[in-house]
Amino acid sequence: MRGRSVLSEQQQKAERKLLRRGRLTDRERERLAEGREDKIHERPLPPGADRWSTWGEGELGPEPRPEWLVVADGAVDSRLGVVKTGKEADVHLVERWMPNEDAYDFASGRFDADEARDPDPDAAPGVPALATCLLAEKIYRGNDHRNFHRDASYLDGRRTRESRLDRAVANRTRFGLKVIAEQWAVAEFAALGTLWEAGAPVPYPVQRVGTELLIEFIGDPDGSAAPRLAALRPEPDELADLWGQLCAALGYVARAGYTHGDLSAYNILVHHGRLVLIDLPQIVDLAANPHRGDYLGRDVANVTSWFAARGLPDAERRGERLLEDLRYEARLS
């Protein structure tokens, strides 16, 4: 691929002016020609794959990255099904895997369907030869289908650097709704990264491209998702352990300066006894949001009520103590 010349600021302004008028500049024609050339020489996908891996596009998760994550350029993604549908977003199960390069036939330009995922016969026993990992793909719905409830108060404290965008968001124009959609995705991805680095039990955020997030799948290797806390009927000892894990998790969140914003037993997963917080697009900044106290108190009240209904001893007093501790950790008066 040829290197592109560097344009001066004046040339860049002229190019943008031509593009706004619907005219192609020489530079844009060159870019489109390169794209067509890339498509011509792009190898076909192996059987069972839906796309080449998008790794490297958009925002990437924090380092060091988990060892289980497949980051190779030659990896592919396969959608295995829907994990969850909701008003704001749909979540799909995606497998990212490395095709067997020996199965590619350069003469025909295709992968052998029977060998694309065959393991390497020289691989050590019990060690998978072809790297693979499961991811949750969260796609926020378009502005025509969005129905975020009470989003105005969640968005307090979130501002862009352009007044035009802030006005569009405030007026809920079609363009403003698109901005809001990306704000939710940006907020969730950033929060997951911050909380992951702080040690909180949240899924690892792999990458964000626009309003699409790829995050760690919380579940088993066969694709079975971890159950929600709401679906469990834990025994007394397990219930007490889960309460302790929840208090510790919310402590991490508060020390990072946040509260979940919409916490309930429905957005907490329990994977083989380990509690994991999910669904964080509405995360509330405890320094910037004027409704911070209300959201923090509601988060604690919601989960305390669930634990009380399941028989946690002295749940009301424990909830009051948890709220006091979180306010202290977040430095709220």
C-alpha atoms as a PDB file:
ATOM      1  CA  MET A   1       0.000   0.000   0.000  1.00  0.00           C
ATOM      2  CA  ARG A   2       1.357   3.408  -0.958  1.00  0.00           C
ATOM      3  CA  GLY A   3       2.082   5.967   1.717  1.00  0.00           C
ATOM      4  CA  ARG A   4      -0.141   9.021   1.642  1.00  0.00           C
ATOM      5  CA  SER A   5       1.257  12.518   1.477  1.00  0.00           C
ATOM      6  CA  VAL A   6       0.863  14.745   4.512  1.00  0.00           C
ATOM      7  CA  LEU A   7      -1.491  17.648   3.862  1.00  0.00           C
ATOM      8  CA  SER A   8      -1.066  21.122   5.244  1.00  0.00           C
ATOM      9  CA  GLU A   9      -3.810  22.555   7.457  1.00  0.00           C
ATOM     10  CA  GLN A  10      -5.034  24.709   4.555  1.00  0.00           C
ATOM     11  CA  GLN A  11      -5.165  21.682   2.244  1.00  0.00           C
ATOM     12  CA  GLN A  12      -7.078  19.688   4.857  1.00  0.00           C
ATOM     13  CA  LYS A  13      -9.681  22.472   5.137  1.00  0.00           C
ATOM     14  CA  ALA A  14     -10.060  22.565   1.356  1.00  0.00           C
ATOM     15  CA  GLU A  15     -10.488  18.787   1.246  1.00  0.00           C
ATOM     16  CA  ARG A  16     -13.179  18.830   3.923  1.00  0.00           C
ATOM     17  CA  LYS A  17     -15.011  21.577   2.027  1.00  0.00           C
ATOM     18  CA  LEU A  18     -15.046  19.490  -1.150  1.00  0.00           C
ATOM     19  CA  LEU A  19     -16.268  16.419   0.713  1.00  0.00           C
ATOM     20  CA  ARG A  20     -19.116  18.394   2.281  1.00  0.00           C
ATOM     21  CA  ARG A  21     -20.200  19.319  -1.250  1.00  0.00           C
ATOM     22  CA  GLY A  22     -20.286  15.661  -2.201  1.00  0.00           C
ATOM     23  CA  ARG A  23     -17.134  15.817  -4.372  1.00  0.00           C
ATOM     24  CA  LEU A  24     -14.253  13.360  -4.073  1.00  0.00           C
ATOM     25  CA  THR A  25     -10.767  14.749  -3.623  1.00  0.00           C
ATOM     26  CA  ASP A  26      -7.735  13.025  -5.129  1.00  0.00           C
ATOM     27  CA  ARG A  27      -6.769  11.867  -1.650  1.00  0.00           C
ATOM     28  CA  GLU A  28     -10.221  10.399  -1.025  1.00  0.00           C
ATOM     29  CA  ARG A  29     -10.172   8.606  -4.387  1.00  0.00           C
ATOM     30  CA  GLU A  30      -6.816   7.127  -3.403  1.00  0.00           C
ATOM     31  CA  ARG A  31      -8.221   5.938  -0.068  1.00  0.00           C
ATOM     32  CA  LEU A  32     -11.233   4.296  -1.720  1.00  0.00           C
ATOM     33  CA  ALA A  33      -9.025   2.636  -4.351  1.00  0.00           C
ATOM     34  CA  GLU A  34      -6.808   1.222  -1.604  1.00  0.00           C
ATOM     35  CA  GLY A  35      -9.896  -0.101   0.174  1.00  0.00           C
ATOM     36  CA  ARG A  36     -11.100  -1.837  -2.975  1.00  0.00           C
ATOM     37  CA  GLU A  37      -7.646  -3.327  -3.493  1.00  0.00           C
ATOM     38  CA  ASP A  38      -7.641  -4.622   0.084  1.00  0.00           C
ATOM     39  CA  LYS A  39     -11.045  -6.243  -0.480  1.00  0.00           C
ATOM     40  CA  ILE A  40      -9.866  -7.940  -3.666  1.00  0.00           C
ATOM     41  CA  HIS A  41      -6.876  -9.503  -1.937  1.00  0.00           C
ATOM     42  CA  GLU A  42      -8.651 -10.291   1.345  1.00  0.00           C
ATOM     43  CA  ARG A  43      -8.848 -14.010   2.044  1.00  0.00           C
ATOM     44  CA  PRO A  44     -12.291 -15.571   2.429  1.00  0.00           C
ATOM     45  CA  LEU A  45     -13.451 -16.428   5.899  1.00  0.00           C
ATOM     46  CA  PRO A  46     -13.051 -20.011   7.098  1.00  0.00           C
ATOM     47  CA  PRO A  47     -16.291 -22.009   7.472  1.00  0.00           C
ATOM     48  CA  GLY A  48     -18.203 -21.099  10.623  1.00  0.00           C
ATOM     49  CA  ALA A  49     -16.707 -17.602  10.939  1.00  0.00           C
ATOM     50  CA  ASP A  50     -18.810 -14.451  10.611  1.00  0.00           C
ATOM     51  CA  ARG A  51     -15.999 -11.903  10.315  1.00  0.00           C
ATOM     52  CA  TRP A  52     -12.301 -11.375  10.757  1.00  0.00           C
ATOM     53  CA  SER A  53     -11.398 -10.320  14.271  1.00  0.00           C
ATOM     54  CA  THR A  54     -11.925  -6.617  14.945  1.00  0.00           C
ATOM     55  CA  TRP A  55      -9.037  -6.586  17.421  1.00  0.00           C
ATOM     56  CA  GLY A  56      -7.056  -3.375  17.085  1.00  0.00           C
ATOM     57  CA  GLU A  57     -10.057  -1.255  16.092  1.00  0.00           C
ATOM     58  CA  GLY A  58     -11.518   1.419  18.348  1.00  0.00           C
ATOM     59  CA  GLU A  59     -10.676   1.584  22.053  1.00  0.00           C
ATOM     60  CA  LEU A  60      -8.841  -1.341  23.626  1.00  0.00           C
ATOM     61  CA  GLY A  61      -8.999  -2.626  27.187  1.00  0.00           C
ATOM     62  CA  PRO A  62      -6.408  -1.898  29.872  1.00  0.00           C
ATOM     63  CA  GLU A  63      -3.024  -3.584  30.075  1.00  0.00           C
ATOM     64  CA  PRO A  64      -1.777  -6.058  31.072  1.00  0.00           C
ATOM     65  CA  ARG A  65      -4.363  -8.016  29.121  1.00  0.00           C
ATOM     66  CA  PRO A  66      -5.633 -11.383  30.356  1.00  0.00           C
ATOM     67  CA  GLU A  67      -3.802 -14.436  29.036  1.00  0.00           C
ATOM     68  CA  TRP A  68      -7.054 -15.996  27.817  1.00  0.00           C
ATOM     69  CA  LEU A  69      -7.720 -13.169  25.353  1.00  0.00           C
ATOM     70  CA  VAL A  70      -7.034 -13.918  21.669  1.00  0.00           C
ATOM     71  CA  VAL A  71      -5.390 -10.850  20.109  1.00  0.00           C
ATOM     72  CA  ALA A  72      -3.822 -12.339  16.956  1.00  0.00           C
ATOM     73  CA  ASP A  73      -4.425 -10.501  13.672  1.00  0.00           C
ATOM     74  CA  GLY A  74      -5.482 -13.693  11.905  1.00  0.00           C
ATOM     75  CA  ALA A  75      -8.274 -14.566  14.355  1.00  0.00           C
ATOM     76  CA  VAL A  76     -11.940 -14.725  13.383  1.00  0.00           C
ATOM     77  CA  ASP A  77     -15.219 -14.151  15.234  1.00  0.00           C
ATOM     78  CA  SER A  78     -18.229 -16.468  15.207  1.00  0.00           C
ATOM     79  CA  ARG A  79     -21.576 -15.445  16.672  1.00  0.00           C
ATOM     80  CA  LEU A  80     -22.984 -18.380  18.613  1.00  0.00           C
ATOM     81  CA  GLY A  81     -26.317 -16.952  19.719  1.00  0.00           C
ATOM     82  CA  VAL A  82     -28.135 -14.348  21.771  1.00  0.00           C
ATOM     83  CA  VAL A  83     -27.331 -14.149  25.485  1.00  0.00           C
ATOM     84  CA  LYS A  84     -29.752 -11.362  26.357  1.00  0.00           C
ATOM     85  CA  THR A  85     -32.081  -8.834  24.751  1.00  0.00           C
ATOM     86  CA  GLY A  86     -33.088  -5.593  26.400  1.00  0.00           C
ATOM     87  CA  LYS A  87     -34.524  -2.143  25.818  1.00  0.00           C
ATOM     88  CA  GLU A  88     -31.091  -0.544  25.546  1.00  0.00           C
ATOM     89  CA  ALA A  89     -28.897  -3.247  23.998  1.00  0.00           C
ATOM     90  CA  ASP A  90     -28.643  -6.826  22.809  1.00  0.00           C
ATOM     91  CA  VAL A  91     -25.888  -9.177  23.955  1.00  0.00           C
ATOM     92  CA  HIS A  92     -24.538 -11.942  21.714  1.00  0.00           C
ATOM     93  CA  LEU A  93     -22.144 -14.762  22.527  1.00  0.00           C
ATOM     94  CA  VAL A  94     -19.071 -14.534  20.278  1.00  0.00           C
ATOM     95  CA  GLU A  95     -16.244 -17.018  19.928  1.00  0.00           C
ATOM     96  CA  ARG A  96     -12.927 -15.552  18.795  1.00  0.00           C
ATOM     97  CA  TRP A  97     -10.657 -18.267  17.423  1.00  0.00           C
ATOM     98  CA  MET A  98      -7.594 -18.886  15.311  1.00  0.00           C
ATOM     99  CA  PRO A  99      -8.192 -20.836  12.092  1.00  0.00           C
ATOM    100  CA  ASN A 100      -5.777 -23.585  11.132  1.00  0.00           C
ATOM    101  CA  GLU A 101      -3.457 -21.925   8.611  1.00  0.00           C
ATOM    102  CA  ASP A 102      -2.515 -25.318   7.186  1.00  0.00           C
ATOM    103  CA  ALA A 103      -6.102 -25.671   6.024  1.00  0.00           C
ATOM    104  CA  TYR A 104      -5.794 -22.700   3.653  1.00  0.00           C
ATOM    105  CA  ASP A 105      -5.397 -23.711   0.026  1.00  0.00           C
ATOM    106  CA  PHE A 106      -3.517 -20.964  -1.817  1.00  0.00           C
ATOM    107  CA  ALA A 107      -4.419 -22.482  -5.192  1.00  0.00           C
ATOM    108  CA  SER A 108      -8.175 -22.234  -4.630  1.00  0.00           C
ATOM    109  CA  GLY A 109      -7.988 -19.307  -2.214  1.00  0.00           C
ATOM    110  CA  ARG A 110     -10.215 -21.104   0.300  1.00  0.00           C
ATOM    111  CA  PHE A 111     -10.062 -22.892   3.627  1.00  0.00           C
ATOM    112  CA  ASP A 112     -10.681 -26.624   3.707  1.00  0.00           C
ATOM    113  CA  ALA A 113     -14.034 -26.941   5.464  1.00  0.00           C
ATOM    114  CA  ASP A 114     -13.031 -30.135   7.261  1.00  0.00           C
ATOM    115  CA  GLU A 115      -9.683 -28.873   8.532  1.00  0.00           C
ATOM    116  CA  ALA A 116     -10.213 -25.164   9.260  1.00  0.00           C
ATOM    117  CA  ARG A 117     -10.559 -25.938  12.980  1.00  0.00           C
ATOM    118  CA  ASP A 118      -8.659 -29.222  13.156  1.00  0.00           C
ATOM    119  CA  PRO A 119      -6.218 -29.306  16.079  1.00  0.00           C
ATOM    120  CA  ASP A 120      -2.494 -29.546  15.475  1.00  0.00           C
ATOM    121  CA  PRO A 121      -1.514 -33.248  15.702  1.00  0.00           C
ATOM    122  CA  ASP A 122       1.796 -32.199  17.303  1.00  0.00           C
ATOM    123  CA  ALA A 123       0.112 -30.339  20.163  1.00  0.00           C
ATOM    124  CA  ALA A 124       0.749 -31.558  23.700  1.00  0.00           C
ATOM    125  CA  PRO A 125      -2.011 -33.717  25.228  1.00  0.00           C
ATOM    126  CA  GLY A 126      -4.723 -31.680  26.911  1.00  0.00           C
ATOM    127  CA  VAL A 127      -3.484 -28.390  25.423  1.00  0.00           C
ATOM    128  CA  PRO A 128      -5.693 -26.808  22.737  1.00  0.00           C
ATOM    129  CA  ALA A 129      -3.648 -26.161  19.603  1.00  0.00           C
ATOM    130  CA  LEU A 130      -5.846 -23.369  18.255  1.00  0.00           C
ATOM    131  CA  ALA A 131      -6.389 -20.352  20.501  1.00  0.00           C
ATOM    132  CA  THR A 132      -9.999 -19.541  21.318  1.00  0.00           C
ATOM    133  CA  CYS A 133     -11.959 -17.408  23.770  1.00  0.00           C
ATOM    134  CA  LEU A 134     -15.591 -16.523  24.427  1.00  0.00           C
ATOM    135  CA  LEU A 135     -16.721 -12.892  24.460  1.00  0.00           C
ATOM    136  CA  ALA A 136     -19.971 -11.051  25.104  1.00  0.00           C
ATOM    137  CA  GLU A 137     -20.802  -8.638  22.282  1.00  0.00           C
ATOM    138  CA  LYS A 138     -23.029  -5.849  23.549  1.00  0.00           C
ATOM    139  CA  ILE A 139     -24.622  -3.764  20.802  1.00  0.00           C
ATOM    140  CA  TYR A 140     -26.556  -0.667  21.830  1.00  0.00           C
ATOM    141  CA  ARG A 141     -29.703  -0.181  19.811  1.00  0.00           C
ATOM    142  CA  GLY A 142     -30.110   2.592  17.233  1.00  0.00           C
ATOM    143  CA  ASN A 143     -31.809   5.833  18.137  1.00  0.00           C
ATOM    144  CA  ASP A 144     -35.142   4.676  16.660  1.00  0.00           C
ATOM    145  CA  HIS A 145     -35.375   1.874  19.230  1.00  0.00           C
ATOM    146  CA  ARG A 146     -33.727   3.438  22.263  1.00  0.00           C
ATOM    147  CA  ASN A 147     -35.720   3.660  25.472  1.00  0.00           C
ATOM    148  CA  PHE A 148     -33.289   4.424  28.287  1.00  0.00           C
ATOM    149  CA  HIS A 149     -35.429   5.174  31.278  1.00  0.00           C
ATOM    150  CA  ARG A 150     -34.837   8.353  33.249  1.00  0.00           C
ATOM    151  CA  ASP A 151     -31.672   9.008  31.267  1.00  0.00           C
ATOM    152  CA  ALA A 152     -31.740  12.774  31.879  1.00  0.00           C
ATOM    153  CA  SER A 153     -30.641  12.509  35.501  1.00  0.00           C
ATOM    154  CA  TYR A 154     -28.059   9.826  34.661  1.00  0.00           C
ATOM    155  CA  LEU A 155     -26.506  12.168  32.095  1.00  0.00           C
ATOM    156  CA  ASP A 156     -26.114  15.008  34.582  1.00  0.00           C
ATOM    157  CA  GLY A 157     -22.401  15.619  34.956  1.00  0.00           C
ATOM    158  CA  ARG A 158     -21.570  14.143  31.546  1.00  0.00           C
ATOM    159  CA  ARG A 159     -20.701  16.836  29.054  1.00  0.00           C
ATOM    160  CA  THR A 160     -18.978  16.890  25.702  1.00  0.00           C
ATOM    161  CA  ARG A 161     -16.488  19.543  24.642  1.00  0.00           C
ATOM    162  CA  GLU A 162     -18.849  20.895  21.978  1.00  0.00           C
ATOM    163  CA  SER A 163     -21.859  23.002  22.859  1.00  0.00           C
ATOM    164  CA  ARG A 164     -23.605  21.863  19.658  1.00  0.00           C
ATOM    165  CA  LEU A 165     -23.532  18.257  20.874  1.00  0.00           C
ATOM    166  CA  ASP A 166     -24.671  19.227  24.372  1.00  0.00           C
ATOM    167  CA  ARG A 167     -27.666  21.108  22.913  1.00  0.00           C
ATOM    168  CA  ALA A 168     -28.587  18.124  20.729  1.00  0.00           C
ATOM    169  CA  VAL A 169     -28.446  15.833  23.769  1.00  0.00           C
ATOM    170  CA  ALA A 170     -30.505  18.226  25.900  1.00  0.00           C
ATOM    171  CA  ASN A 171     -33.173  18.581  23.175  1.00  0.00           C
ATOM    172  CA  ARG A 172     -33.236  14.803  22.399  1.00  0.00           C
ATOM    173  CA  THR A 173     -32.985  15.393  18.647  1.00  0.00           C
ATOM    174  CA  ARG A 174     -32.359  12.374  16.396  1.00  0.00           C
ATOM    175  CA  PHE A 175     -28.715  13.361  16.275  1.00  0.00           C
ATOM    176  CA  GLY A 176     -28.739  13.923  20.033  1.00  0.00           C
ATOM    177  CA  LEU A 177     -30.068  10.408  20.628  1.00  0.00           C
ATOM    178  CA  LYS A 178     -27.204   9.006  18.576  1.00  0.00           C
ATOM    179  CA  VAL A 179     -24.788  10.995  20.730  1.00  0.00           C
ATOM    180  CA  ILE A 180     -26.480   9.630  23.871  1.00  0.00           C
ATOM    181  CA  ALA A 181     -26.169   6.070  22.544  1.00  0.00           C
ATOM    182  CA  GLU A 182     -22.441   6.471  22.153  1.00  0.00           C
ATOM    183  CA  GLN A 183     -22.168   8.223  25.513  1.00  0.00           C
ATOM    184  CA  TRP A 184     -23.651   5.145  27.199  1.00  0.00           C
ATOM    185  CA  ALA A 185     -21.183   2.855  25.410  1.00  0.00           C
ATOM    186  CA  VAL A 186     -18.237   5.145  26.150  1.00  0.00           C
ATOM    187  CA  ALA A 187     -19.263   5.439  29.811  1.00  0.00           C
ATOM    188  CA  GLU A 188     -19.645   1.690  30.291  1.00  0.00           C
ATOM    189  CA  PHE A 189     -16.356   0.845  28.578  1.00  0.00           C
ATOM    190  CA  ALA A 190     -14.453   3.490  30.541  1.00  0.00           C
ATOM    191  CA  ALA A 191     -16.036   2.404  33.823  1.00  0.00           C
ATOM    192  CA  LEU A 192     -15.235  -1.260  33.224  1.00  0.00           C
ATOM    193  CA  GLY A 193     -11.623  -0.367  32.481  1.00  0.00           C
ATOM    194  CA  THR A 194     -11.281   1.770  35.590  1.00  0.00           C
ATOM    195  CA  LEU A 195     -12.945  -0.795  37.849  1.00  0.00           C
ATOM    196  CA  TRP A 196     -11.017  -3.711  36.347  1.00  0.00           C
ATOM    197  CA  GLU A 197      -7.731  -1.943  37.046  1.00  0.00           C
ATOM    198  CA  ALA A 198      -8.914  -1.171  40.584  1.00  0.00           C
ATOM    199  CA  GLY A 199      -9.552  -4.869  41.229  1.00  0.00           C
ATOM    200  CA  ALA A 200     -13.361  -4.806  41.202  1.00  0.00           C
ATOM    201  CA  PRO A 201     -15.202  -7.967  40.089  1.00  0.00           C
ATOM    202  CA  VAL A 202     -16.338  -6.834  36.634  1.00  0.00           C
ATOM    203  CA  PRO A 203     -15.913  -8.382  33.167  1.00  0.00           C
ATOM    204  CA  TYR A 204     -12.717  -7.412  31.371  1.00  0.00           C
ATOM    205  CA  PRO A 205     -13.495  -4.795  28.678  1.00  0.00           C
ATOM    206  CA  VAL A 206     -11.882  -6.055  25.460  1.00  0.00           C
ATOM    207  CA  GLN A 207     -12.688  -3.259  23.010  1.00  0.00           C
ATOM    208  CA  ARG A 208     -15.211  -0.629  21.952  1.00  0.00           C
ATOM    209  CA  VAL A 209     -16.031   0.316  18.369  1.00  0.00           C
ATOM    210  CA  GLY A 210     -18.754   2.976  18.256  1.00  0.00           C
ATOM    211  CA  THR A 211     -21.752   1.640  20.183  1.00  0.00           C
ATOM    212  CA  GLU A 212     -20.510  -1.970  20.152  1.00  0.00           C
ATOM    213  CA  LEU A 213     -18.675  -3.390  23.160  1.00  0.00           C
ATOM    214  CA  LEU A 214     -16.791  -6.668  23.375  1.00  0.00           C
ATOM    215  CA  ILE A 215     -16.296  -7.791  26.954  1.00  0.00           C
ATOM    216  CA  GLU A 216     -15.341 -10.916  28.843  1.00  0.00           C
ATOM    217  CA  PHE A 217     -18.034 -13.589  28.787  1.00  0.00           C
ATOM    218  CA  ILE A 218     -18.910 -14.683  32.317  1.00  0.00           C
ATOM    219  CA  GLY A 219     -19.855 -18.322  32.045  1.00  0.00           C
ATOM    220  CA  ASP A 220     -18.612 -21.788  31.196  1.00  0.00           C
ATOM    221  CA  PRO A 221     -16.550 -22.936  28.178  1.00  0.00           C
ATOM    222  CA  ASP A 222     -19.634 -24.574  26.643  1.00  0.00           C
ATOM    223  CA  GLY A 223     -21.284 -21.160  26.361  1.00  0.00           C
ATOM    224  CA  SER A 224     -23.592 -21.468  29.373  1.00  0.00           C
ATOM    225  CA  ALA A 225     -23.909 -18.020  30.925  1.00  0.00           C
ATOM    226  CA  ALA A 226     -23.513 -17.519  34.656  1.00  0.00           C
ATOM    227  CA  PRO A 227     -26.869 -17.122  36.428  1.00  0.00           C
ATOM    228  CA  ARG A 228     -28.090 -13.824  37.759  1.00  0.00           C
ATOM    229  CA  LEU A 229     -28.227 -13.347  41.509  1.00  0.00           C
ATOM    230  CA  ALA A 230     -32.007 -12.950  41.196  1.00  0.00           C
ATOM    231  CA  ALA A 231     -32.309 -16.556  39.984  1.00  0.00           C
ATOM    232  CA  LEU A 232     -30.540 -18.071  43.004  1.00  0.00           C
ATOM    233  CA  ARG A 233     -31.895 -19.411  46.276  1.00  0.00           C
ATOM    234  CA  PRO A 234     -28.664 -19.634  48.278  1.00  0.00           C
ATOM    235  CA  GLU A 235     -28.264 -21.470  51.546  1.00  0.00           C
ATOM    236  CA  PRO A 236     -27.522 -19.318  54.643  1.00  0.00           C
ATOM    237  CA  ASP A 237     -23.738 -19.737  54.468  1.00  0.00           C
ATOM    238  CA  GLU A 238     -23.624 -18.930  50.752  1.00  0.00           C
ATOM    239  CA  LEU A 239     -25.971 -15.983  51.253  1.00  0.00           C
ATOM    240  CA  ALA A 240     -23.659 -14.506  53.883  1.00  0.00           C
ATOM    241  CA  ASP A 241     -20.650 -15.047  51.623  1.00  0.00           C
ATOM    242  CA  LEU A 242     -22.357 -13.331  48.703  1.00  0.00           C
ATOM    243  CA  TRP A 243     -23.250 -10.362  50.907  1.00  0.00           C
ATOM    244  CA  GLY A 244     -19.612 -10.068  51.935  1.00  0.00           C
ATOM    245  CA  GLN A 245     -18.507 -10.210  48.294  1.00  0.00           C
ATOM    246  CA  LEU A 246     -21.075  -7.565  47.358  1.00  0.00           C
ATOM    247  CA  CYS A 247     -19.919  -5.185  50.088  1.00  0.00           C
ATOM    248  CA  ALA A 248     -16.313  -5.580  48.939  1.00  0.00           C
ATOM    249  CA  ALA A 249     -17.292  -5.054  45.274  1.00  0.00           C
ATOM    250  CA  LEU A 250     -19.250  -1.877  45.999  1.00  0.00           C
ATOM    251  CA  GLY A 251     -16.322  -0.657  48.081  1.00  0.00           C
ATOM    252  CA  TYR A 252     -14.075  -0.875  45.018  1.00  0.00           C
ATOM    253  CA  VAL A 253     -16.665   1.037  42.985  1.00  0.00           C
ATOM    254  CA  ALA A 254     -17.058   3.779  45.623  1.00  0.00           C
ATOM    255  CA  ARG A 255     -13.303   4.233  46.053  1.00  0.00           C
ATOM    256  CA  ALA A 256     -13.063   4.724  42.282  1.00  0.00           C
ATOM    257  CA  GLY A 257     -15.622   7.538  42.640  1.00  0.00           C
ATOM    258  CA  TYR A 258     -18.725   5.802  41.301  1.00  0.00           C
ATOM    259  CA  THR A 259     -21.925   4.012  42.132  1.00  0.00           C
ATOM    260  CA  HIS A 260     -23.578   1.526  39.788  1.00  0.00           C
ATOM    261  CA  GLY A 261     -26.659   3.679  39.283  1.00  0.00           C
ATOM    262  CA  ASP A 262     -29.138   0.880  38.578  1.00  0.00           C
ATOM    263  CA  LEU A 263     -27.986  -1.929  40.847  1.00  0.00           C
ATOM    264  CA  SER A 264     -30.263  -4.880  41.516  1.00  0.00           C
ATOM    265  CA  ALA A 265     -30.108  -8.650  41.737  1.00  0.00           C
ATOM    266  CA  TYR A 266     -30.701  -8.725  37.971  1.00  0.00           C
ATOM    267  CA  ASN A 267     -27.372  -7.153  37.011  1.00  0.00           C
ATOM    268  CA  ILE A 268     -25.206  -9.203  39.316  1.00  0.00           C
ATOM    269  CA  LEU A 269     -23.906 -12.563  38.088  1.00  0.00           C
ATOM    270  CA  VAL A 270     -22.681 -15.430  40.263  1.00  0.00           C
ATOM    271  CA  HIS A 271     -20.223 -17.741  38.501  1.00  0.00           C
ATOM    272  CA  HIS A 272     -19.323 -20.781  40.588  1.00  0.00           C
ATOM    273  CA  GLY A 273     -19.697 -18.770  43.785  1.00  0.00           C
ATOM    274  CA  ARG A 274     -17.930 -15.644  42.471  1.00  0.00           C
ATOM    275  CA  LEU A 275     -19.990 -12.450  42.308  1.00  0.00           C
ATOM    276  CA  VAL A 276     -19.593 -10.207  39.209  1.00  0.00           C
ATOM    277  CA  LEU A 277     -21.151  -6.778  38.571  1.00  0.00           C
ATOM    278  CA  ILE A 278     -22.494  -6.169  35.043  1.00  0.00           C
ATOM    279  CA  ASP A 279     -24.536  -3.623  33.029  1.00  0.00           C
ATOM    280  CA  LEU A 280     -22.791  -0.354  33.836  1.00  0.00           C
ATOM    281  CA  PRO A 281     -23.815   2.130  31.101  1.00  0.00           C
ATOM    282  CA  GLN A 282     -25.661   4.317  33.612  1.00  0.00           C
ATOM    283  CA  ILE A 283     -22.773   4.387  36.106  1.00  0.00           C
ATOM    284  CA  VAL A 284     -22.961   7.547  38.205  1.00  0.00           C
ATOM    285  CA  ASP A 285     -19.988   9.802  38.883  1.00  0.00           C
ATOM    286  CA  LEU A 286     -20.185  10.555  42.593  1.00  0.00           C
ATOM    287  CA  ALA A 287     -18.200  13.757  42.172  1.00  0.00           C
ATOM    288  CA  ALA A 288     -20.067  15.278  39.219  1.00  0.00           C
ATOM    289  CA  ASN A 289     -23.672  14.066  39.356  1.00  0.00           C
ATOM    290  CA  PRO A 290     -25.917  16.230  41.559  1.00  0.00           C
ATOM    291  CA  HIS A 291     -28.184  13.213  42.249  1.00  0.00           C
ATOM    292  CA  ARG A 292     -25.270  11.081  43.506  1.00  0.00           C
ATOM    293  CA  GLY A 293     -26.643  10.585  46.995  1.00  0.00           C
ATOM    294  CA  ASP A 294     -29.996   9.380  45.707  1.00  0.00           C
ATOM    295  CA  TYR A 295     -28.422   6.872  43.327  1.00  0.00           C
ATOM    296  CA  LEU A 296     -26.011   5.519  45.916  1.00  0.00           C
ATOM    297  CA  GLY A 297     -28.790   5.115  48.473  1.00  0.00           C
ATOM    298  CA  ARG A 298     -31.075   3.428  45.951  1.00  0.00           C
ATOM    299  CA  ASP A 299     -28.365   0.972  44.860  1.00  0.00           C
ATOM    300  CA  VAL A 300     -27.804  -0.109  48.451  1.00  0.00           C
ATOM    301  CA  ALA A 301     -31.542  -0.287  49.214  1.00  0.00           C
ATOM    302  CA  ASN A 302     -32.244  -2.461  46.152  1.00  0.00           C
ATOM    303  CA  VAL A 303     -29.693  -5.135  46.974  1.00  0.00           C
ATOM    304  CA  THR A 304     -30.380  -5.010  50.712  1.00  0.00           C
ATOM    305  CA  SER A 305     -34.053  -5.724  50.036  1.00  0.00           C
ATOM    306  CA  TRP A 306     -33.163  -8.781  47.974  1.00  0.00           C
ATOM    307  CA  PHE A 307     -30.869 -10.179  50.655  1.00  0.00           C
ATOM    308  CA  ALA A 308     -33.460  -9.470  53.336  1.00  0.00           C
ATOM    309  CA  ALA A 309     -36.090 -11.361  51.355  1.00  0.00           C
ATOM    310  CA  ARG A 310     -33.713 -14.338  51.132  1.00  0.00           C
ATOM    311  CA  GLY A 311     -33.247 -14.411  54.898  1.00  0.00           C
ATOM    312  CA  LEU A 312     -29.982 -12.571  55.559  1.00  0.00           C
ATOM    313  CA  PRO A 313     -29.945 -11.931  59.321  1.00  0.00           C
ATOM    314  CA  ASP A 314     -30.179  -8.287  60.388  1.00  0.00           C
ATOM    315  CA  ALA A 315     -30.234  -7.195  56.737  1.00  0.00           C
ATOM    316  CA  GLU A 316     -31.603  -3.702  57.404  1.00  0.00           C
ATOM    317  CA  ARG A 317     -28.821  -2.824  59.838  1.00  0.00           C
ATOM    318  CA  ARG A 318     -26.209  -4.312  57.496  1.00  0.00           C
ATOM    319  CA  GLY A 319     -27.568  -2.189  54.651  1.00  0.00           C
ATOM    320  CA  GLU A 320     -27.368   0.986  56.725  1.00  0.00           C
ATOM    321  CA  ARG A 321     -23.782   0.170  57.688  1.00  0.00           C
ATOM    322  CA  LEU A 322     -22.906  -0.549  54.031  1.00  0.00           C
ATOM    323  CA  LEU A 323     -24.285   2.819  52.940  1.00  0.00           C
ATOM    324  CA  GLU A 324     -22.278   4.611  55.624  1.00  0.00           C
ATOM    325  CA  ASP A 325     -19.113   2.791  54.581  1.00  0.00           C
ATOM    326  CA  LEU A 326     -19.635   3.577  50.885  1.00  0.00           C
ATOM    327  CA  ARG A 327     -20.261   7.263  51.581  1.00  0.00           C
ATOM    328  CA  TYR A 328     -17.027   7.321  53.564  1.00  0.00           C
ATOM    329  CA  GLU A 329     -15.086   5.530  50.802  1.00  0.00           C
ATOM    330  CA  ALA A 330     -16.451   7.967  48.219  1.00  0.00           C
ATOM    331  CA  ARG A 331     -15.678  10.955  50.466  1.00  0.00           C
ATOM    332  CA  LEU A 332     -19.280  12.134  50.502  1.00  0.00           C
ATOM    333  CA  SER A 333     -20.335  14.360  53.372  1.00  0.00           C
END
